[in-house]
N, C-alpha and C. Protein backbone atom coordinates (compact mmCIF):
# COMPACT_ATOMS: atom_id res chain seq x y z
N UNK A 1 -24.12 -7.62 33.13
CA UNK A 1 -24.53 -6.23 33.03
C UNK A 1 -25.78 -6.13 32.17
N UNK A 2 -26.84 -5.61 32.76
CA UNK A 2 -28.12 -5.50 32.06
C UNK A 2 -28.23 -4.14 31.37
N UNK A 3 -28.75 -4.14 30.15
CA UNK A 3 -28.92 -2.91 29.38
C UNK A 3 -30.40 -2.72 29.04
N UNK A 4 -30.83 -1.47 29.09
CA UNK A 4 -32.21 -1.15 28.72
C UNK A 4 -32.34 -0.90 27.23
N UNK A 5 -31.21 -0.87 26.53
CA UNK A 5 -31.22 -0.61 25.09
C UNK A 5 -30.22 -1.51 24.39
N UNK A 6 -30.65 -2.17 23.32
CA UNK A 6 -29.77 -3.01 22.53
C UNK A 6 -28.71 -2.16 21.83
N UNK A 7 -29.09 -0.93 21.45
CA UNK A 7 -28.14 -0.03 20.81
C UNK A 7 -27.01 0.35 21.77
N UNK A 8 -27.38 0.61 23.01
CA UNK A 8 -26.39 0.93 24.03
C UNK A 8 -25.50 -0.28 24.29
N UNK A 9 -26.11 -1.43 24.39
CA UNK A 9 -25.36 -2.67 24.65
C UNK A 9 -24.33 -2.92 23.53
N UNK A 10 -24.74 -2.72 22.30
CA UNK A 10 -23.84 -2.93 21.16
C UNK A 10 -22.68 -1.94 21.18
N UNK A 11 -22.98 -0.68 21.51
CA UNK A 11 -21.94 0.35 21.57
C UNK A 11 -20.93 0.04 22.67
N UNK A 12 -21.43 -0.39 23.83
CA UNK A 12 -20.55 -0.75 24.95
C UNK A 12 -19.69 -1.95 24.59
N UNK A 13 -20.29 -2.93 23.94
CA UNK A 13 -19.52 -4.12 23.53
C UNK A 13 -18.37 -3.74 22.60
N UNK A 14 -18.65 -2.92 21.60
CA UNK A 14 -17.62 -2.52 20.64
C UNK A 14 -16.53 -1.70 21.31
N UNK A 15 -16.92 -0.82 22.22
CA UNK A 15 -15.94 0.00 22.93
C UNK A 15 -15.05 -0.87 23.82
N UNK A 16 -15.63 -1.92 24.40
CA UNK A 16 -14.86 -2.79 25.31
C UNK A 16 -13.86 -3.67 24.57
N UNK A 17 -13.91 -3.68 23.23
CA UNK A 17 -12.94 -4.46 22.46
C UNK A 17 -11.59 -3.75 22.38
N UNK A 18 -11.57 -2.48 22.75
CA UNK A 18 -10.30 -1.74 22.76
C UNK A 18 -9.42 -2.24 23.90
N UNK A 19 -8.09 -2.28 23.70
CA UNK A 19 -7.20 -2.77 24.75
C UNK A 19 -7.26 -1.91 26.01
N UNK A 20 -7.35 -2.56 27.15
CA UNK A 20 -7.37 -1.85 28.42
C UNK A 20 -8.72 -1.28 28.80
N UNK A 21 -9.74 -1.55 27.99
CA UNK A 21 -11.08 -1.02 28.27
C UNK A 21 -12.01 -2.16 28.68
N UNK A 22 -12.41 -2.16 29.95
CA UNK A 22 -13.35 -3.16 30.42
C UNK A 22 -14.78 -2.71 30.18
N UNK A 23 -15.74 -3.58 30.54
CA UNK A 23 -17.15 -3.26 30.30
C UNK A 23 -17.59 -2.01 31.04
N UNK A 24 -17.18 -1.82 32.29
CA UNK A 24 -17.62 -0.66 33.06
C UNK A 24 -17.04 0.63 32.49
N UNK A 25 -15.75 0.59 32.12
CA UNK A 25 -15.13 1.77 31.51
C UNK A 25 -15.79 2.07 30.17
N UNK A 26 -16.08 1.03 29.40
CA UNK A 26 -16.74 1.20 28.11
C UNK A 26 -18.10 1.85 28.29
N UNK A 27 -18.85 1.42 29.30
CA UNK A 27 -20.16 2.01 29.57
C UNK A 27 -20.03 3.48 29.92
N UNK A 28 -19.04 3.80 30.75
CA UNK A 28 -18.83 5.19 31.14
C UNK A 28 -18.50 6.07 29.93
N UNK A 29 -17.67 5.55 29.03
CA UNK A 29 -17.29 6.30 27.83
C UNK A 29 -18.49 6.48 26.89
N UNK A 30 -19.26 5.43 26.71
CA UNK A 30 -20.41 5.50 25.82
C UNK A 30 -21.45 6.47 26.37
N UNK A 31 -21.71 6.42 27.67
CA UNK A 31 -22.66 7.34 28.27
C UNK A 31 -22.18 8.79 28.16
N UNK A 32 -20.86 8.97 28.25
CA UNK A 32 -20.29 10.31 28.07
C UNK A 32 -20.55 10.81 26.65
N UNK A 33 -20.33 9.93 25.67
CA UNK A 33 -20.59 10.30 24.27
C UNK A 33 -22.06 10.62 24.04
N UNK A 34 -22.91 9.88 24.74
CA UNK A 34 -24.35 10.07 24.58
C UNK A 34 -24.79 11.45 25.08
N UNK A 35 -24.05 11.98 26.05
CA UNK A 35 -24.38 13.31 26.60
C UNK A 35 -23.86 14.45 25.73
N UNK A 36 -22.90 14.13 24.86
CA UNK A 36 -22.30 15.16 24.01
C UNK A 36 -23.23 15.51 22.84
N UNK A 37 -23.05 16.71 22.26
CA UNK A 37 -23.82 17.05 21.06
C UNK A 37 -23.55 16.03 19.95
N UNK A 38 -24.55 15.77 19.13
CA UNK A 38 -24.39 14.79 18.05
C UNK A 38 -23.22 15.16 17.14
N UNK A 39 -23.00 16.47 16.95
CA UNK A 39 -21.93 16.92 16.08
C UNK A 39 -20.56 16.45 16.60
N UNK A 40 -20.41 16.48 17.94
CA UNK A 40 -19.14 16.07 18.53
C UNK A 40 -18.88 14.58 18.31
N UNK A 41 -19.92 13.78 18.49
CA UNK A 41 -19.79 12.35 18.25
C UNK A 41 -19.53 12.08 16.77
N UNK A 42 -20.15 12.88 15.92
CA UNK A 42 -19.94 12.74 14.48
C UNK A 42 -18.50 13.03 14.09
N UNK A 43 -17.90 14.04 14.71
CA UNK A 43 -16.50 14.38 14.43
C UNK A 43 -15.57 13.23 14.82
N UNK A 44 -15.85 12.62 15.98
CA UNK A 44 -15.05 11.49 16.44
C UNK A 44 -15.19 10.31 15.47
N UNK A 45 -16.42 10.01 15.11
CA UNK A 45 -16.67 8.90 14.19
C UNK A 45 -15.98 9.11 12.85
N UNK A 46 -16.07 10.35 12.33
CA UNK A 46 -15.47 10.66 11.04
C UNK A 46 -13.95 10.59 11.10
N UNK A 47 -13.38 11.06 12.21
CA UNK A 47 -11.92 11.01 12.37
C UNK A 47 -11.42 9.57 12.37
N UNK A 48 -12.16 8.68 13.04
CA UNK A 48 -11.77 7.27 13.08
C UNK A 48 -11.90 6.62 11.71
N UNK A 49 -12.99 6.95 11.00
CA UNK A 49 -13.19 6.40 9.66
C UNK A 49 -12.11 6.89 8.69
N UNK A 50 -11.80 8.19 8.76
CA UNK A 50 -10.77 8.75 7.88
C UNK A 50 -9.41 8.10 8.16
N UNK A 51 -9.10 7.91 9.43
CA UNK A 51 -7.83 7.29 9.79
C UNK A 51 -7.75 5.88 9.22
N UNK A 52 -8.83 5.12 9.41
CA UNK A 52 -8.83 3.72 8.97
C UNK A 52 -8.76 3.58 7.46
N UNK A 53 -9.40 4.48 6.74
CA UNK A 53 -9.49 4.36 5.29
C UNK A 53 -8.33 5.03 4.55
N UNK A 54 -7.74 6.08 5.14
CA UNK A 54 -6.77 6.87 4.39
C UNK A 54 -5.33 6.75 4.88
N UNK A 55 -5.12 6.19 6.05
CA UNK A 55 -3.76 6.13 6.59
C UNK A 55 -2.90 5.20 5.74
N UNK A 56 -1.62 5.52 5.65
CA UNK A 56 -0.69 4.74 4.83
C UNK A 56 0.48 4.25 5.68
N UNK A 57 1.26 3.36 5.10
CA UNK A 57 2.50 2.93 5.72
C UNK A 57 3.65 3.35 4.82
N UNK A 58 4.63 4.00 5.39
CA UNK A 58 5.76 4.52 4.63
C UNK A 58 6.38 3.41 3.78
N UNK A 59 6.60 3.68 2.51
CA UNK A 59 7.16 2.69 1.61
C UNK A 59 8.62 2.38 1.91
N UNK A 60 9.26 3.25 2.68
CA UNK A 60 10.67 3.05 3.01
C UNK A 60 10.87 2.36 4.35
N UNK A 61 10.21 2.88 5.41
CA UNK A 61 10.48 2.37 6.76
C UNK A 61 9.28 1.64 7.39
N UNK A 62 8.11 1.68 6.75
CA UNK A 62 6.88 1.04 7.24
C UNK A 62 6.26 1.75 8.44
N UNK A 63 6.68 2.97 8.69
CA UNK A 63 6.07 3.78 9.73
C UNK A 63 4.69 4.25 9.26
N UNK A 64 3.79 4.53 10.18
CA UNK A 64 2.48 5.07 9.81
C UNK A 64 2.66 6.48 9.29
N UNK A 65 1.94 6.78 8.20
CA UNK A 65 2.14 8.07 7.54
C UNK A 65 0.86 8.50 6.82
N UNK A 66 0.80 9.79 6.48
CA UNK A 66 -0.31 10.29 5.67
C UNK A 66 0.03 10.25 4.19
N UNK A 67 1.32 10.10 3.89
CA UNK A 67 1.80 10.09 2.50
C UNK A 67 2.67 8.87 2.27
N UNK A 68 3.09 8.67 1.00
CA UNK A 68 3.83 7.47 0.63
C UNK A 68 5.16 7.34 1.37
N UNK A 69 5.86 8.45 1.55
CA UNK A 69 7.12 8.46 2.30
C UNK A 69 6.93 9.36 3.51
N UNK A 70 7.17 8.82 4.69
CA UNK A 70 6.88 9.57 5.93
C UNK A 70 7.79 10.78 6.09
N UNK A 71 7.43 11.67 6.99
CA UNK A 71 8.17 12.91 7.20
C UNK A 71 9.60 12.65 7.67
N UNK A 72 9.80 11.59 8.43
CA UNK A 72 11.15 11.29 8.92
C UNK A 72 12.05 10.86 7.77
N UNK A 73 11.57 9.93 6.95
CA UNK A 73 12.37 9.43 5.83
C UNK A 73 12.62 10.50 4.77
N UNK A 74 11.69 11.44 4.61
CA UNK A 74 11.84 12.49 3.59
C UNK A 74 12.62 13.69 4.11
N UNK A 75 12.97 13.69 5.39
CA UNK A 75 13.71 14.81 5.99
C UNK A 75 15.20 14.69 5.65
N UNK A 76 15.70 15.60 4.84
CA UNK A 76 17.09 15.55 4.42
C UNK A 76 18.07 15.92 5.54
N UNK A 77 17.56 16.44 6.63
CA UNK A 77 18.42 16.78 7.76
C UNK A 77 18.69 15.57 8.68
N UNK A 78 17.99 14.45 8.41
CA UNK A 78 18.23 13.23 9.19
C UNK A 78 19.42 12.49 8.59
N UNK A 79 20.06 11.66 9.43
CA UNK A 79 21.18 10.84 8.98
C UNK A 79 20.62 9.55 8.37
N UNK A 80 20.60 9.46 7.05
CA UNK A 80 20.00 8.32 6.37
C UNK A 80 20.92 7.11 6.33
N UNK A 81 22.12 7.24 6.88
CA UNK A 81 23.04 6.11 6.96
C UNK A 81 22.92 5.39 8.31
N UNK A 82 22.07 5.93 9.18
CA UNK A 82 21.88 5.39 10.52
C UNK A 82 20.44 4.94 10.68
N UNK A 83 20.23 3.63 10.85
CA UNK A 83 18.87 3.08 10.94
C UNK A 83 18.64 2.47 12.32
N UNK A 84 17.54 2.86 12.94
CA UNK A 84 17.13 2.29 14.23
C UNK A 84 15.99 1.30 13.97
N UNK A 85 16.20 0.05 14.32
CA UNK A 85 15.22 -1.01 14.08
C UNK A 85 14.31 -1.13 15.30
N UNK A 86 13.01 -0.95 15.09
CA UNK A 86 12.04 -0.98 16.18
C UNK A 86 10.91 -1.94 15.85
N UNK A 87 10.13 -2.27 16.89
CA UNK A 87 9.02 -3.20 16.71
C UNK A 87 7.82 -2.55 16.04
N UNK A 88 7.37 -1.40 16.56
CA UNK A 88 6.20 -0.75 15.97
C UNK A 88 6.21 0.76 16.14
N UNK A 89 5.14 1.39 15.69
CA UNK A 89 5.04 2.84 15.67
C UNK A 89 5.19 3.46 17.05
N UNK A 90 4.75 2.76 18.09
CA UNK A 90 4.86 3.31 19.45
C UNK A 90 6.30 3.51 19.85
N UNK A 91 7.19 2.63 19.36
CA UNK A 91 8.60 2.77 19.68
C UNK A 91 9.22 3.96 18.94
N UNK A 92 8.78 4.19 17.72
CA UNK A 92 9.25 5.37 16.99
C UNK A 92 8.88 6.63 17.76
N UNK A 93 7.64 6.70 18.22
CA UNK A 93 7.18 7.86 18.97
C UNK A 93 7.96 8.04 20.27
N UNK A 94 8.24 6.92 20.96
CA UNK A 94 8.97 6.99 22.22
C UNK A 94 10.39 7.52 22.01
N UNK A 95 11.07 7.02 20.97
CA UNK A 95 12.44 7.46 20.70
C UNK A 95 12.46 8.90 20.21
N UNK A 96 11.51 9.27 19.36
CA UNK A 96 11.45 10.65 18.87
C UNK A 96 11.25 11.63 20.01
N UNK A 97 10.50 11.23 21.02
CA UNK A 97 10.24 12.11 22.16
C UNK A 97 11.49 12.40 22.97
N UNK A 98 12.53 11.56 22.84
CA UNK A 98 13.78 11.81 23.59
C UNK A 98 14.58 12.93 22.95
N UNK A 99 14.40 13.14 21.64
CA UNK A 99 15.17 14.17 20.94
C UNK A 99 16.63 13.83 20.78
N UNK A 100 16.99 12.55 21.02
CA UNK A 100 18.40 12.15 21.00
C UNK A 100 18.81 11.41 19.73
N UNK A 101 17.86 11.11 18.86
CA UNK A 101 18.17 10.30 17.68
C UNK A 101 17.85 11.09 16.42
N UNK A 102 18.83 11.18 15.51
CA UNK A 102 18.64 11.95 14.29
C UNK A 102 18.78 11.10 13.03
N UNK A 103 18.73 9.78 13.19
CA UNK A 103 18.76 8.89 12.04
C UNK A 103 17.35 8.63 11.55
N UNK A 104 17.17 7.50 10.87
CA UNK A 104 15.85 7.09 10.40
C UNK A 104 15.50 5.75 11.03
N UNK A 105 14.32 5.25 10.76
CA UNK A 105 13.84 4.03 11.41
C UNK A 105 13.51 2.94 10.41
N UNK A 106 13.35 1.73 10.95
CA UNK A 106 12.75 0.64 10.19
C UNK A 106 11.82 -0.10 11.14
N UNK A 107 10.53 -0.07 10.84
CA UNK A 107 9.51 -0.66 11.71
C UNK A 107 9.24 -2.09 11.26
N UNK A 108 9.53 -3.05 12.13
CA UNK A 108 9.37 -4.46 11.78
C UNK A 108 7.91 -4.91 11.78
N UNK A 109 7.08 -4.28 12.61
CA UNK A 109 5.68 -4.69 12.70
C UNK A 109 5.47 -5.85 13.65
N UNK A 110 6.44 -6.10 14.54
CA UNK A 110 6.32 -7.19 15.51
C UNK A 110 7.67 -7.81 15.79
N UNK A 111 7.65 -8.95 16.48
CA UNK A 111 8.86 -9.70 16.81
C UNK A 111 8.66 -11.16 16.47
N UNK A 112 9.74 -11.85 16.17
CA UNK A 112 9.66 -13.28 15.90
C UNK A 112 9.18 -13.99 17.16
N UNK A 113 8.10 -14.75 17.03
CA UNK A 113 7.53 -15.45 18.19
C UNK A 113 6.87 -16.75 17.72
N UNK A 114 7.65 -17.84 17.66
CA UNK A 114 7.10 -19.12 17.18
C UNK A 114 5.86 -19.56 17.94
N UNK A 115 5.80 -19.26 19.24
CA UNK A 115 4.65 -19.69 20.04
C UNK A 115 3.38 -18.98 19.59
N UNK A 116 3.54 -17.79 19.00
CA UNK A 116 2.38 -17.05 18.48
C UNK A 116 2.23 -17.22 16.97
N UNK A 117 3.07 -18.07 16.41
CA UNK A 117 2.99 -18.32 14.97
C UNK A 117 3.54 -17.20 14.11
N UNK A 118 4.42 -16.37 14.68
CA UNK A 118 4.99 -15.25 13.93
C UNK A 118 6.43 -15.58 13.55
N UNK A 119 6.67 -15.70 12.26
CA UNK A 119 8.00 -15.99 11.74
C UNK A 119 8.58 -14.79 11.03
N UNK A 120 9.84 -14.87 10.59
CA UNK A 120 10.52 -13.75 9.91
C UNK A 120 9.77 -13.26 8.68
N UNK A 121 9.15 -14.17 7.93
CA UNK A 121 8.48 -13.78 6.68
C UNK A 121 7.24 -12.93 6.93
N UNK A 122 6.72 -12.94 8.16
CA UNK A 122 5.52 -12.16 8.48
C UNK A 122 5.86 -10.76 8.97
N UNK A 123 7.14 -10.48 9.10
CA UNK A 123 7.60 -9.17 9.56
C UNK A 123 8.29 -8.44 8.41
N UNK A 124 8.61 -7.17 8.63
CA UNK A 124 9.27 -6.36 7.60
C UNK A 124 10.78 -6.55 7.66
N UNK A 125 11.21 -7.80 7.76
CA UNK A 125 12.64 -8.11 7.82
C UNK A 125 13.27 -8.15 6.42
N UNK A 126 12.64 -8.80 5.43
CA UNK A 126 13.26 -8.85 4.09
C UNK A 126 13.59 -7.47 3.52
N UNK A 127 12.70 -6.49 3.72
CA UNK A 127 12.98 -5.15 3.18
C UNK A 127 14.13 -4.49 3.92
N UNK A 128 14.31 -4.80 5.21
CA UNK A 128 15.44 -4.27 5.97
C UNK A 128 16.75 -4.86 5.46
N UNK A 129 16.77 -6.18 5.27
CA UNK A 129 17.97 -6.85 4.77
C UNK A 129 18.35 -6.33 3.39
N UNK A 130 17.34 -6.15 2.54
CA UNK A 130 17.59 -5.62 1.21
C UNK A 130 18.14 -4.20 1.28
N UNK A 131 17.61 -3.40 2.20
CA UNK A 131 18.06 -2.03 2.36
C UNK A 131 19.53 -1.99 2.78
N UNK A 132 19.90 -2.88 3.69
CA UNK A 132 21.28 -2.93 4.17
C UNK A 132 22.22 -3.40 3.06
N UNK A 133 21.79 -4.40 2.30
CA UNK A 133 22.66 -4.99 1.28
C UNK A 133 22.81 -4.11 0.04
N UNK A 134 21.81 -3.29 -0.23
CA UNK A 134 21.87 -2.48 -1.45
C UNK A 134 22.02 -0.99 -1.17
N UNK A 135 21.81 -0.59 0.06
CA UNK A 135 21.84 0.83 0.38
C UNK A 135 23.16 1.28 0.96
N UNK A 136 23.20 2.57 1.29
CA UNK A 136 24.40 3.20 1.83
C UNK A 136 24.22 3.35 3.34
N UNK A 137 24.21 2.22 4.04
CA UNK A 137 23.95 2.21 5.49
C UNK A 137 25.26 2.07 6.26
N UNK A 138 25.43 2.94 7.26
CA UNK A 138 26.65 2.91 8.08
C UNK A 138 26.47 2.08 9.35
N UNK A 139 25.31 2.24 9.98
CA UNK A 139 25.08 1.56 11.26
C UNK A 139 23.62 1.17 11.41
N UNK A 140 23.42 0.00 12.01
CA UNK A 140 22.08 -0.51 12.32
C UNK A 140 21.98 -0.62 13.84
N UNK A 141 20.99 0.06 14.42
CA UNK A 141 20.80 0.01 15.88
C UNK A 141 19.59 -0.86 16.17
N UNK A 142 19.79 -1.93 16.93
CA UNK A 142 18.67 -2.77 17.34
C UNK A 142 18.05 -2.17 18.60
N UNK A 143 16.79 -1.77 18.49
CA UNK A 143 16.09 -1.13 19.61
C UNK A 143 14.82 -1.86 19.96
N UNK A 144 14.87 -3.19 19.88
CA UNK A 144 13.72 -3.99 20.30
C UNK A 144 13.78 -4.22 21.81
N UNK A 145 12.65 -4.52 22.41
CA UNK A 145 12.60 -4.76 23.85
C UNK A 145 13.46 -5.96 24.22
N UNK A 146 14.03 -5.93 25.42
CA UNK A 146 14.96 -6.98 25.85
C UNK A 146 14.20 -8.19 26.40
N UNK A 147 13.40 -8.79 25.52
CA UNK A 147 12.69 -10.02 25.83
C UNK A 147 13.29 -11.15 24.99
N UNK A 148 12.88 -12.37 25.25
CA UNK A 148 13.38 -13.49 24.46
C UNK A 148 13.03 -13.30 22.98
N UNK A 149 11.80 -12.84 22.71
CA UNK A 149 11.38 -12.62 21.33
C UNK A 149 12.18 -11.50 20.68
N UNK A 150 12.44 -10.43 21.45
CA UNK A 150 13.22 -9.33 20.92
C UNK A 150 14.65 -9.74 20.61
N UNK A 151 15.27 -10.49 21.52
CA UNK A 151 16.64 -10.95 21.31
C UNK A 151 16.72 -11.93 20.14
N UNK A 152 15.70 -12.79 20.01
CA UNK A 152 15.67 -13.73 18.88
C UNK A 152 15.59 -12.99 17.56
N UNK A 153 14.76 -11.95 17.51
CA UNK A 153 14.61 -11.16 16.29
C UNK A 153 15.89 -10.43 15.94
N UNK A 154 16.51 -9.82 16.96
CA UNK A 154 17.79 -9.14 16.74
C UNK A 154 18.83 -10.09 16.14
N UNK A 155 18.95 -11.27 16.75
CA UNK A 155 19.97 -12.22 16.32
C UNK A 155 19.68 -12.73 14.91
N UNK A 156 18.41 -12.94 14.59
CA UNK A 156 18.06 -13.41 13.24
C UNK A 156 18.49 -12.38 12.19
N UNK A 157 18.18 -11.11 12.45
CA UNK A 157 18.56 -10.05 11.50
C UNK A 157 20.07 -9.95 11.40
N UNK A 158 20.74 -10.04 12.55
CA UNK A 158 22.20 -9.97 12.57
C UNK A 158 22.82 -11.05 11.70
N UNK A 159 22.27 -12.25 11.78
CA UNK A 159 22.79 -13.36 10.97
C UNK A 159 22.58 -13.10 9.48
N UNK A 160 21.51 -12.39 9.13
CA UNK A 160 21.21 -12.12 7.72
C UNK A 160 22.14 -11.07 7.12
N UNK A 161 22.69 -10.19 7.97
CA UNK A 161 23.48 -9.07 7.44
C UNK A 161 24.92 -9.06 7.94
N UNK A 162 25.34 -10.11 8.64
CA UNK A 162 26.66 -10.08 9.28
C UNK A 162 27.82 -9.98 8.29
N UNK A 163 27.60 -10.35 7.03
CA UNK A 163 28.65 -10.25 6.02
C UNK A 163 28.73 -8.84 5.42
N UNK A 164 27.77 -8.00 5.73
CA UNK A 164 27.78 -6.64 5.20
C UNK A 164 28.72 -5.76 6.01
N UNK A 165 29.27 -4.78 5.35
CA UNK A 165 30.25 -3.91 5.99
C UNK A 165 29.55 -2.74 6.70
N UNK A 166 28.85 -3.06 7.78
CA UNK A 166 28.19 -2.03 8.57
C UNK A 166 28.39 -2.32 10.06
N UNK A 167 28.19 -1.31 10.86
CA UNK A 167 28.25 -1.47 12.32
C UNK A 167 26.87 -1.88 12.80
N UNK A 168 26.81 -2.87 13.70
CA UNK A 168 25.55 -3.25 14.33
C UNK A 168 25.68 -2.99 15.83
N UNK A 169 24.70 -2.33 16.39
CA UNK A 169 24.73 -2.01 17.82
C UNK A 169 23.36 -2.24 18.41
N UNK A 170 23.30 -2.23 19.73
CA UNK A 170 22.03 -2.36 20.43
C UNK A 170 21.97 -1.32 21.53
N UNK A 171 20.78 -0.87 21.87
CA UNK A 171 20.64 0.14 22.91
C UNK A 171 21.16 -0.41 24.22
N UNK A 172 21.77 0.45 25.03
CA UNK A 172 22.32 0.04 26.32
C UNK A 172 21.21 -0.48 27.21
N UNK A 173 21.56 -1.38 28.12
CA UNK A 173 20.56 -2.01 28.97
C UNK A 173 20.12 -1.13 30.13
N UNK A 174 19.97 0.16 29.83
CA UNK A 174 19.32 1.03 30.81
C UNK A 174 17.84 0.69 30.88
N UNK A 175 17.36 0.03 29.81
CA UNK A 175 15.99 -0.46 29.79
C UNK A 175 15.98 -1.82 30.46
N UNK A 176 15.16 -2.00 31.47
CA UNK A 176 15.14 -3.25 32.21
C UNK A 176 14.77 -4.42 31.32
N UNK A 177 15.34 -5.58 31.61
CA UNK A 177 15.03 -6.78 30.85
C UNK A 177 13.54 -7.07 30.93
N UNK A 178 12.92 -7.29 29.77
CA UNK A 178 11.49 -7.58 29.72
C UNK A 178 10.63 -6.35 29.52
N UNK A 179 11.23 -5.15 29.61
CA UNK A 179 10.45 -3.92 29.47
C UNK A 179 10.24 -3.57 28.00
N UNK A 180 9.12 -2.92 27.71
CA UNK A 180 8.85 -2.41 26.38
C UNK A 180 9.32 -0.96 26.31
N UNK A 181 9.82 -0.54 25.14
CA UNK A 181 10.37 0.80 24.99
C UNK A 181 9.35 1.88 25.29
N UNK A 182 8.10 1.66 24.92
CA UNK A 182 7.10 2.72 25.06
C UNK A 182 6.85 3.11 26.52
N UNK A 183 7.22 2.22 27.46
CA UNK A 183 7.00 2.51 28.87
C UNK A 183 8.23 3.09 29.56
N UNK A 184 9.35 3.17 28.83
CA UNK A 184 10.56 3.73 29.42
C UNK A 184 10.47 5.26 29.46
N UNK A 185 11.04 5.86 30.52
CA UNK A 185 11.02 7.32 30.57
C UNK A 185 11.99 7.86 29.53
N UNK A 186 11.77 9.10 29.10
CA UNK A 186 12.52 9.67 27.99
C UNK A 186 14.01 9.79 28.29
N UNK A 187 14.37 10.13 29.52
CA UNK A 187 15.78 10.28 29.87
C UNK A 187 16.50 8.95 29.77
N UNK A 188 15.92 7.90 30.35
CA UNK A 188 16.53 6.57 30.31
C UNK A 188 16.64 6.07 28.88
N UNK A 189 15.59 6.24 28.09
CA UNK A 189 15.61 5.78 26.72
C UNK A 189 16.63 6.55 25.89
N UNK A 190 16.67 7.85 26.10
CA UNK A 190 17.64 8.68 25.38
C UNK A 190 19.07 8.27 25.68
N UNK A 191 19.37 8.02 26.95
CA UNK A 191 20.71 7.58 27.33
C UNK A 191 21.04 6.21 26.77
N UNK A 192 20.03 5.35 26.69
CA UNK A 192 20.24 4.01 26.16
C UNK A 192 20.64 4.06 24.68
N UNK A 193 20.09 5.03 23.96
CA UNK A 193 20.45 5.19 22.55
C UNK A 193 21.84 5.79 22.41
N UNK A 194 22.12 6.83 23.20
CA UNK A 194 23.42 7.50 23.12
C UNK A 194 24.56 6.57 23.52
N UNK A 195 24.32 5.70 24.50
CA UNK A 195 25.36 4.81 25.01
C UNK A 195 25.18 3.39 24.50
N UNK A 196 24.71 3.27 23.26
CA UNK A 196 24.53 1.95 22.67
C UNK A 196 25.87 1.21 22.58
N UNK A 197 25.79 -0.11 22.52
CA UNK A 197 26.99 -0.95 22.52
C UNK A 197 27.00 -1.84 21.29
N UNK A 198 28.18 -2.33 20.86
CA UNK A 198 28.23 -3.25 19.72
C UNK A 198 27.32 -4.44 19.95
N UNK A 199 26.56 -4.82 18.93
CA UNK A 199 25.59 -5.90 19.09
C UNK A 199 26.26 -7.21 19.48
N UNK A 200 27.45 -7.47 18.95
CA UNK A 200 28.14 -8.72 19.25
C UNK A 200 28.31 -8.92 20.75
N UNK A 201 28.52 -7.81 21.48
CA UNK A 201 28.71 -7.90 22.93
C UNK A 201 27.48 -8.39 23.66
N UNK A 202 26.31 -8.19 23.05
CA UNK A 202 25.06 -8.50 23.73
C UNK A 202 24.80 -10.00 23.81
N UNK A 203 25.46 -10.80 22.96
CA UNK A 203 25.24 -12.23 23.05
C UNK A 203 26.52 -13.03 23.31
N UNK A 204 27.70 -12.41 23.13
CA UNK A 204 28.93 -13.11 23.40
C UNK A 204 29.16 -13.28 24.90
N UNK A 205 28.55 -12.35 25.69
CA UNK A 205 28.75 -12.39 27.14
C UNK A 205 27.62 -13.09 27.87
N UNK A 206 26.66 -13.66 27.10
CA UNK A 206 25.53 -14.34 27.75
C UNK A 206 25.78 -15.81 27.81
C-alpha cells in the first residue's frame, strides 16, 4: 500500500495494530478522522489518553474501575458471599448484561497456558485463594470458557481451595465447548449461570 504522506502512513500503521483491524480498514478509519473537525479528533485522542493514564484495577476483584474499589464490589445490595471467577473484563460485562447474577466477581486476567508461558503466578489466582481462605465466601462459580486452558485453570484453583468449606460450581454447558463467554447470547449465558452444576461433576464424568 503506497502512501503520499508519511504522517498518514504512520497513523494507518498504528491503527492497524488494533485487533481485527487490517490495513484497509485502518486507512478508512484514519481518512474518516481526517475529514472530521480537529476538535472531534482531539476529544478522541484525549479520551484515550485519559483512559490509559487514569484507569484503575479494583483492589478487590481486579475489574477495571475509575476508583480503588469498583462499583460492583462496593454495592451493598450484591451478594458478597457469591463469587464468579472470570477470565477478563469482557466476561464481567457479558454476565452483567444477562441481569441474572447478583454476586461479585474475581477477574483472573487470563488462563493458565503453558504453551504461551502463562502460569498461575502470572494470574490473579493467589488473591482469589486468599479471599476464599480468609473471607466469608459461600460459593465460587467457575465461569471460564470451556477450553483446555479454561478447564486447567478451573481445576488448579479447585485444588488450591478444596479443603475450604465452600461450594464450588461451574456454569452449565449451555455454552458450547471452546466458546468464549463474550460471544454467547445473553439468554444462553444467563441460563448457564442459573443452572450451574457442582464443579466436581465437570471432571468426574470426563
